[in-house]
Amino acid sequence: MATHMENCAIQLERASKETLSRWKNDPQQSQYAADNVKWAIARAITEKNFNGFTRNNQAREMASQLQNEEILFALLQNMIHLSAYKRMRGGESLGNPADSFVLLVTDSACKRSIDDVEELLQRGTALAVGDELAKRRGTPLPPKSPADEVACTFANNVLDCYVWYNLSYNYVSSEKPIAEPQYRNNTIWSDGVAAENLDTMIRTQQVAKANNRQY
């Protein structure tokens, strides 16, 4: 049975796929369909603005029900699923720097030290949204520190991996969590552990935040 966090990931995936389909069916926007979905997810994380998701089949409503941590979970879980995908194909490359970031997320989850990676994704997404808004307004992009550049590159790759390898190519899916018993074998056992740890750590964060709000 799927956990609450896994159900949230499925919810985001369905809302995102519906949005991708909507843009693909628009003759003027079809070539930008993936970018539009990426923008919708990024604005949901950074601004809690869900207007980028289509209203078709209640996709926007589904997405807007998700908390920030639940969206971040879905994106990071996707990276762990891609780690399993690579292992099952003999280490097949997704291309650099995606391979490095898939390894970073999986190793962090295995070691139960996901906080830094989660913060990197949050900060990088905010920077990426800022860059996109500046481009649309025709204003100069704000200067970035080397750390900001890393965060922005990381966030862009995590979002690209989600939009392309999950939504567009269907290499992996939130509908088939690798932590389920049938996926537990010698090849991807560590990825199963990473997926379970990620689920536990994000849920623990949510409980802690809920408790803090009560006091």
C-alpha atoms as a PDB file:
ATOM      1  CA  MET A   1       0.000   0.000   0.000  1.00  0.00           C
ATOM      2  CA  ALA A   2       1.339   3.416  -0.967  1.00  0.00           C
ATOM      3  CA  THR A   3       2.291   5.833   1.809  1.00  0.00           C
ATOM      4  CA  HIS A   4       0.853   9.333   2.070  1.00  0.00           C
ATOM      5  CA  MET A   5       3.981  10.804   0.479  1.00  0.00           C
ATOM      6  CA  GLU A   6       3.880   8.329  -2.397  1.00  0.00           C
ATOM      7  CA  ASN A   7       0.225   9.212  -3.004  1.00  0.00           C
ATOM      8  CA  CYS A   8       1.212  12.890  -3.120  1.00  0.00           C
ATOM      9  CA  ALA A   9       3.866  12.067  -5.717  1.00  0.00           C
ATOM     10  CA  ILE A  10       1.242  10.243  -7.797  1.00  0.00           C
ATOM     11  CA  GLN A  11      -1.041  13.266  -7.480  1.00  0.00           C
ATOM     12  CA  LEU A  12       1.639  15.659  -8.759  1.00  0.00           C
ATOM     13  CA  GLU A  13       2.519  13.265 -11.572  1.00  0.00           C
ATOM     14  CA  ARG A  14      -1.085  13.046 -12.756  1.00  0.00           C
ATOM     15  CA  ALA A  15      -1.561  16.826 -12.588  1.00  0.00           C
ATOM     16  CA  SER A  16       1.701  17.371 -14.463  1.00  0.00           C
ATOM     17  CA  LYS A  17       0.907  14.811 -17.158  1.00  0.00           C
ATOM     18  CA  GLU A  18      -2.497  16.386 -17.694  1.00  0.00           C
ATOM     19  CA  THR A  19      -0.820  19.776 -18.047  1.00  0.00           C
ATOM     20  CA  LEU A  20       1.776  18.376 -20.453  1.00  0.00           C
ATOM     21  CA  SER A  21      -0.988  16.868 -22.576  1.00  0.00           C
ATOM     22  CA  ARG A  22      -2.870  20.158 -22.611  1.00  0.00           C
ATOM     23  CA  TRP A  23       0.147  22.058 -23.968  1.00  0.00           C
ATOM     24  CA  LYS A  24       1.082  19.355 -26.453  1.00  0.00           C
ATOM     25  CA  ASN A  25      -2.380  19.723 -27.977  1.00  0.00           C
ATOM     26  CA  ASP A  26      -1.905  23.469 -28.428  1.00  0.00           C
ATOM     27  CA  PRO A  27      -0.423  24.104 -31.911  1.00  0.00           C
ATOM     28  CA  GLN A  28       1.280  27.309 -30.774  1.00  0.00           C
ATOM     29  CA  GLN A  29       2.668  25.914 -27.515  1.00  0.00           C
ATOM     30  CA  SER A  30       3.371  22.255 -28.298  1.00  0.00           C
ATOM     31  CA  GLN A  31       7.116  22.816 -28.710  1.00  0.00           C
ATOM     32  CA  TYR A  32       7.215  24.493 -25.295  1.00  0.00           C
ATOM     33  CA  ALA A  33       5.027  21.906 -23.538  1.00  0.00           C
ATOM     34  CA  ALA A  34       7.795  20.466 -21.340  1.00  0.00           C
ATOM     35  CA  ASP A  35       9.111  23.929 -20.417  1.00  0.00           C
ATOM     36  CA  ASN A  36       5.604  25.053 -19.476  1.00  0.00           C
ATOM     37  CA  VAL A  37       5.198  22.116 -17.090  1.00  0.00           C
ATOM     38  CA  LYS A  38       8.628  22.729 -15.599  1.00  0.00           C
ATOM     39  CA  TRP A  39       7.655  26.386 -15.045  1.00  0.00           C
ATOM     40  CA  ALA A  40       4.364  25.352 -13.435  1.00  0.00           C
ATOM     41  CA  ILE A  41       6.134  23.089 -10.912  1.00  0.00           C
ATOM     42  CA  ALA A  42       8.841  25.664 -10.188  1.00  0.00           C
ATOM     43  CA  ARG A  43       6.286  28.403  -9.470  1.00  0.00           C
ATOM     44  CA  ALA A  44       4.302  26.027  -7.245  1.00  0.00           C
ATOM     45  CA  ILE A  45       7.425  25.440  -5.152  1.00  0.00           C
ATOM     46  CA  THR A  46       8.652  29.025  -5.068  1.00  0.00           C
ATOM     47  CA  GLU A  47       5.472  31.098  -5.053  1.00  0.00           C
ATOM     48  CA  LYS A  48       2.721  28.624  -4.128  1.00  0.00           C
ATOM     49  CA  ASN A  49       1.216  29.677  -7.456  1.00  0.00           C
ATOM     50  CA  PHE A  50      -0.534  26.790  -9.212  1.00  0.00           C
ATOM     51  CA  ASN A  51      -1.930  28.711 -12.186  1.00  0.00           C
ATOM     52  CA  GLY A  52       0.582  27.036 -14.488  1.00  0.00           C
ATOM     53  CA  PHE A  53      -1.311  23.740 -14.154  1.00  0.00           C
ATOM     54  CA  THR A  54      -4.249  23.174 -16.468  1.00  0.00           C
ATOM     55  CA  ARG A  55      -7.778  23.062 -15.128  1.00  0.00           C
ATOM     56  CA  ASN A  56      -8.476  20.043 -17.351  1.00  0.00           C
ATOM     57  CA  ASN A  57      -9.604  17.012 -15.340  1.00  0.00           C
ATOM     58  CA  GLN A  58      -9.028  18.970 -12.104  1.00  0.00           C
ATOM     59  CA  ALA A  59      -5.243  18.941 -12.546  1.00  0.00           C
ATOM     60  CA  ARG A  60      -4.789  22.389 -10.977  1.00  0.00           C
ATOM     61  CA  GLU A  61      -6.956  21.420  -8.030  1.00  0.00           C
ATOM     62  CA  MET A  62      -4.923  18.245  -7.486  1.00  0.00           C
ATOM     63  CA  ALA A  63      -1.634  20.141  -7.572  1.00  0.00           C
ATOM     64  CA  SER A  64      -2.862  22.938  -5.299  1.00  0.00           C
ATOM     65  CA  GLN A  65      -3.679  20.422  -2.548  1.00  0.00           C
ATOM     66  CA  LEU A  66       0.011  19.560  -2.189  1.00  0.00           C
ATOM     67  CA  GLN A  67       2.294  21.048   0.447  1.00  0.00           C
ATOM     68  CA  ASN A  68       5.734  22.327  -0.489  1.00  0.00           C
ATOM     69  CA  GLU A  69       7.507  19.345   1.072  1.00  0.00           C
ATOM     70  CA  GLU A  70       5.271  16.958  -0.847  1.00  0.00           C
ATOM     71  CA  ILE A  71       6.233  18.500  -4.189  1.00  0.00           C
ATOM     72  CA  LEU A  72       9.921  18.414  -3.265  1.00  0.00           C
ATOM     73  CA  PHE A  73       9.490  14.780  -2.224  1.00  0.00           C
ATOM     74  CA  ALA A  74       8.030  13.886  -5.622  1.00  0.00           C
ATOM     75  CA  LEU A  75      10.958  15.479  -7.447  1.00  0.00           C
ATOM     76  CA  LEU A  76      13.604  13.848  -5.242  1.00  0.00           C
ATOM     77  CA  GLN A  77      11.827  10.486  -5.330  1.00  0.00           C
ATOM     78  CA  ASN A  78      11.978  10.669  -9.108  1.00  0.00           C
ATOM     79  CA  MET A  79      15.783  10.964  -8.930  1.00  0.00           C
ATOM     80  CA  ILE A  80      15.940   7.805  -6.790  1.00  0.00           C
ATOM     81  CA  HIS A  81      13.689   6.008  -9.267  1.00  0.00           C
ATOM     82  CA  LEU A  82      16.103   7.046 -12.008  1.00  0.00           C
ATOM     83  CA  SER A  83      18.980   5.603  -9.980  1.00  0.00           C
ATOM     84  CA  ALA A  84      17.165   2.254  -9.964  1.00  0.00           C
ATOM     85  CA  TYR A  85      16.411   2.624 -13.677  1.00  0.00           C
ATOM     86  CA  LYS A  86      20.114   3.131 -14.373  1.00  0.00           C
ATOM     87  CA  ARG A  87      21.185   0.183 -12.233  1.00  0.00           C
ATOM     88  CA  MET A  88      18.719  -2.184 -13.873  1.00  0.00           C
ATOM     89  CA  ARG A  89      20.283  -1.246 -17.208  1.00  0.00           C
ATOM     90  CA  GLY A  90      23.871  -1.769 -16.200  1.00  0.00           C
ATOM     91  CA  GLY A  91      24.530   1.821 -15.202  1.00  0.00           C
ATOM     92  CA  GLU A  92      23.087   3.355 -18.372  1.00  0.00           C
ATOM     93  CA  SER A  93      23.911   7.071 -18.470  1.00  0.00           C
ATOM     94  CA  LEU A  94      21.274   9.786 -18.457  1.00  0.00           C
ATOM     95  CA  GLY A  95      23.939  12.303 -19.430  1.00  0.00           C
ATOM     96  CA  ASN A  96      25.953  14.724 -17.335  1.00  0.00           C
ATOM     97  CA  PRO A  97      25.337  16.419 -14.985  1.00  0.00           C
ATOM     98  CA  ALA A  98      22.092  14.447 -14.438  1.00  0.00           C
ATOM     99  CA  ASP A  99      24.042  11.291 -13.493  1.00  0.00           C
ATOM    100  CA  SER A 100      25.942  13.153 -10.780  1.00  0.00           C
ATOM    101  CA  PHE A 101      22.800  14.654  -9.289  1.00  0.00           C
ATOM    102  CA  VAL A 102      20.941  11.322  -9.343  1.00  0.00           C
ATOM    103  CA  LEU A 103      23.835   9.865  -7.352  1.00  0.00           C
ATOM    104  CA  LEU A 104      23.877  12.852  -4.971  1.00  0.00           C
ATOM    105  CA  VAL A 105      20.178  12.509  -4.110  1.00  0.00           C
ATOM    106  CA  THR A 106      20.297   8.719  -3.713  1.00  0.00           C
ATOM    107  CA  ASP A 107      23.430   8.744  -1.555  1.00  0.00           C
ATOM    108  CA  SER A 108      22.024  11.534   0.627  1.00  0.00           C
ATOM    109  CA  ALA A 109      18.807   9.597   1.189  1.00  0.00           C
ATOM    110  CA  CYS A 110      20.709   6.380   1.944  1.00  0.00           C
ATOM    111  CA  LYS A 111      22.745   8.250   4.559  1.00  0.00           C
ATOM    112  CA  ARG A 112      19.604   9.924   5.949  1.00  0.00           C
ATOM    113  CA  SER A 113      21.051  13.386   5.263  1.00  0.00           C
ATOM    114  CA  ILE A 114      18.525  14.788   2.821  1.00  0.00           C
ATOM    115  CA  ASP A 115      18.121  18.251   4.418  1.00  0.00           C
ATOM    116  CA  ASP A 116      20.985  19.855   2.472  1.00  0.00           C
ATOM    117  CA  VAL A 117      19.781  18.410  -0.840  1.00  0.00           C
ATOM    118  CA  GLU A 118      16.222  19.536  -0.170  1.00  0.00           C
ATOM    119  CA  GLU A 119      17.410  23.053   0.669  1.00  0.00           C
ATOM    120  CA  LEU A 120      19.572  23.084  -2.480  1.00  0.00           C
ATOM    121  CA  LEU A 121      16.542  22.178  -4.589  1.00  0.00           C
ATOM    122  CA  GLN A 122      14.369  24.817  -2.898  1.00  0.00           C
ATOM    123  CA  ARG A 123      16.980  27.566  -3.273  1.00  0.00           C
ATOM    124  CA  GLY A 124      17.911  26.604  -6.817  1.00  0.00           C
ATOM    125  CA  THR A 125      14.279  26.587  -7.910  1.00  0.00           C
ATOM    126  CA  ALA A 126      13.769  30.092  -6.487  1.00  0.00           C
ATOM    127  CA  LEU A 127      16.831  31.306  -8.387  1.00  0.00           C
ATOM    128  CA  ALA A 128      15.651  29.652 -11.603  1.00  0.00           C
ATOM    129  CA  VAL A 129      12.228  31.281 -11.285  1.00  0.00           C
ATOM    130  CA  GLY A 130      13.917  34.635 -10.673  1.00  0.00           C
ATOM    131  CA  ASP A 131      15.993  34.196 -13.826  1.00  0.00           C
ATOM    132  CA  GLU A 132      12.940  33.283 -15.889  1.00  0.00           C
ATOM    133  CA  LEU A 133      10.992  36.303 -14.636  1.00  0.00           C
ATOM    134  CA  ALA A 134      13.943  38.575 -15.422  1.00  0.00           C
ATOM    135  CA  LYS A 135      14.131  37.202 -18.970  1.00  0.00           C
ATOM    136  CA  ARG A 136      10.413  37.739 -19.506  1.00  0.00           C
ATOM    137  CA  ARG A 137      10.675  41.318 -18.264  1.00  0.00           C
ATOM    138  CA  GLY A 138      13.793  42.004 -20.305  1.00  0.00           C
ATOM    139  CA  THR A 139      15.815  42.943 -17.238  1.00  0.00           C
ATOM    140  CA  PRO A 140      19.423  41.890 -16.529  1.00  0.00           C
ATOM    141  CA  LEU A 141      19.847  38.620 -14.681  1.00  0.00           C
ATOM    142  CA  PRO A 142      21.004  39.145 -11.089  1.00  0.00           C
ATOM    143  CA  PRO A 143      24.606  38.051 -10.405  1.00  0.00           C
ATOM    144  CA  LYS A 144      25.083  34.678  -8.739  1.00  0.00           C
ATOM    145  CA  SER A 145      27.691  33.328  -6.375  1.00  0.00           C
ATOM    146  CA  PRO A 146      29.350  29.989  -7.215  1.00  0.00           C
ATOM    147  CA  ALA A 147      27.076  28.336  -4.614  1.00  0.00           C
ATOM    148  CA  ASP A 148      24.020  29.866  -6.265  1.00  0.00           C
ATOM    149  CA  GLU A 149      25.165  28.569  -9.654  1.00  0.00           C
ATOM    150  CA  VAL A 150      25.418  25.045  -8.226  1.00  0.00           C
ATOM    151  CA  ALA A 151      21.950  25.295  -6.664  1.00  0.00           C
ATOM    152  CA  CYS A 152      20.431  26.616  -9.884  1.00  0.00           C
ATOM    153  CA  THR A 153      22.064  23.884 -11.981  1.00  0.00           C
ATOM    154  CA  PHE A 154      20.910  21.234  -9.525  1.00  0.00           C
ATOM    155  CA  ALA A 155      17.303  22.461  -9.496  1.00  0.00           C
ATOM    156  CA  ASN A 156      17.164  22.744 -13.277  1.00  0.00           C
ATOM    157  CA  ASN A 157      18.438  19.195 -13.655  1.00  0.00           C
ATOM    158  CA  VAL A 158      16.014  17.769 -11.081  1.00  0.00           C
ATOM    159  CA  LEU A 159      13.107  19.481 -12.841  1.00  0.00           C
ATOM    160  CA  ASP A 160      14.357  18.386 -16.278  1.00  0.00           C
ATOM    161  CA  CYS A 161      14.687  14.793 -15.085  1.00  0.00           C
ATOM    162  CA  TYR A 162      11.115  14.892 -13.829  1.00  0.00           C
ATOM    163  CA  VAL A 163       9.605  16.480 -16.922  1.00  0.00           C
ATOM    164  CA  TRP A 164      11.527  14.432 -19.469  1.00  0.00           C
ATOM    165  CA  TYR A 165      12.331  10.998 -18.006  1.00  0.00           C
ATOM    166  CA  ASN A 166       9.080  10.674 -16.060  1.00  0.00           C
ATOM    167  CA  LEU A 167       6.378  12.672 -17.830  1.00  0.00           C
ATOM    168  CA  SER A 168       7.613  12.638 -21.432  1.00  0.00           C
ATOM    169  CA  TYR A 169       9.555   9.381 -21.821  1.00  0.00           C
ATOM    170  CA  ASN A 170       7.847   7.346 -19.084  1.00  0.00           C
ATOM    171  CA  TYR A 171      11.127   5.726 -18.036  1.00  0.00           C
ATOM    172  CA  VAL A 172       9.984   5.828 -14.400  1.00  0.00           C
ATOM    173  CA  SER A 173       6.737   6.612 -12.628  1.00  0.00           C
ATOM    174  CA  SER A 174       5.443   7.455  -9.172  1.00  0.00           C
ATOM    175  CA  GLU A 175       2.777   4.838  -9.830  1.00  0.00           C
ATOM    176  CA  LYS A 176       5.448   2.125  -9.444  1.00  0.00           C
ATOM    177  CA  PRO A 177       7.431   2.872  -6.268  1.00  0.00           C
ATOM    178  CA  ILE A 178      10.732   1.014  -6.144  1.00  0.00           C
ATOM    179  CA  ALA A 179      10.436   0.503  -2.381  1.00  0.00           C
ATOM    180  CA  GLU A 180       7.746  -2.139  -2.917  1.00  0.00           C
ATOM    181  CA  PRO A 181       8.831  -5.735  -2.130  1.00  0.00           C
ATOM    182  CA  GLN A 182       8.934  -6.893  -5.768  1.00  0.00           C
ATOM    183  CA  TYR A 183      11.666  -4.353  -6.475  1.00  0.00           C
ATOM    184  CA  ARG A 184      13.858  -5.551  -3.613  1.00  0.00           C
ATOM    185  CA  ASN A 185      16.738  -7.456  -5.193  1.00  0.00           C
ATOM    186  CA  ASN A 186      20.505  -7.246  -5.069  1.00  0.00           C
ATOM    187  CA  THR A 187      20.600  -4.797  -7.970  1.00  0.00           C
ATOM    188  CA  ILE A 188      18.531  -1.942  -6.576  1.00  0.00           C
ATOM    189  CA  TRP A 189      18.301  -2.733  -2.873  1.00  0.00           C
ATOM    190  CA  SER A 190      20.105   0.501  -1.941  1.00  0.00           C
ATOM    191  CA  ASP A 191      17.661   2.518  -4.023  1.00  0.00           C
ATOM    192  CA  GLY A 192      14.762   0.932  -2.164  1.00  0.00           C
ATOM    193  CA  VAL A 193      16.377   1.949   1.121  1.00  0.00           C
ATOM    194  CA  ALA A 194      16.903   5.482  -0.215  1.00  0.00           C
ATOM    195  CA  ALA A 195      13.242   5.726  -1.264  1.00  0.00           C
ATOM    196  CA  GLU A 196      12.014   4.556   2.145  1.00  0.00           C
ATOM    197  CA  ASN A 197      14.390   6.915   3.970  1.00  0.00           C
ATOM    198  CA  LEU A 198      13.271   9.864   1.857  1.00  0.00           C
ATOM    199  CA  ASP A 199       9.637   9.099   2.650  1.00  0.00           C
ATOM    200  CA  THR A 200      10.354   8.872   6.385  1.00  0.00           C
ATOM    201  CA  MET A 201      12.478  12.025   6.519  1.00  0.00           C
ATOM    202  CA  ILE A 202      10.001  14.239   4.655  1.00  0.00           C
ATOM    203  CA  ARG A 203       7.080  12.977   6.775  1.00  0.00           C
ATOM    204  CA  THR A 204       9.098  13.680   9.925  1.00  0.00           C
ATOM    205  CA  GLN A 205       9.717  17.233   8.715  1.00  0.00           C
ATOM    206  CA  GLN A 206       5.996  17.744   8.144  1.00  0.00           C
ATOM    207  CA  VAL A 207       5.111  16.475  11.617  1.00  0.00           C
ATOM    208  CA  ALA A 208       7.737  18.751  13.190  1.00  0.00           C
ATOM    209  CA  LYS A 209       6.395  21.780  11.310  1.00  0.00           C
ATOM    210  CA  ALA A 210       2.821  20.952  12.268  1.00  0.00           C
ATOM    211  CA  ASN A 211       3.836  20.662  15.926  1.00  0.00           C
ATOM    212  CA  ASN A 212       5.689  23.982  15.798  1.00  0.00           C
ATOM    213  CA  ARG A 213       2.610  25.713  14.383  1.00  0.00           C
ATOM    214  CA  GLN A 214       0.592  24.533  17.383  1.00  0.00           C
ATOM    215  CA  TYR A 215       2.810  26.388  19.838  1.00  0.00           C
END
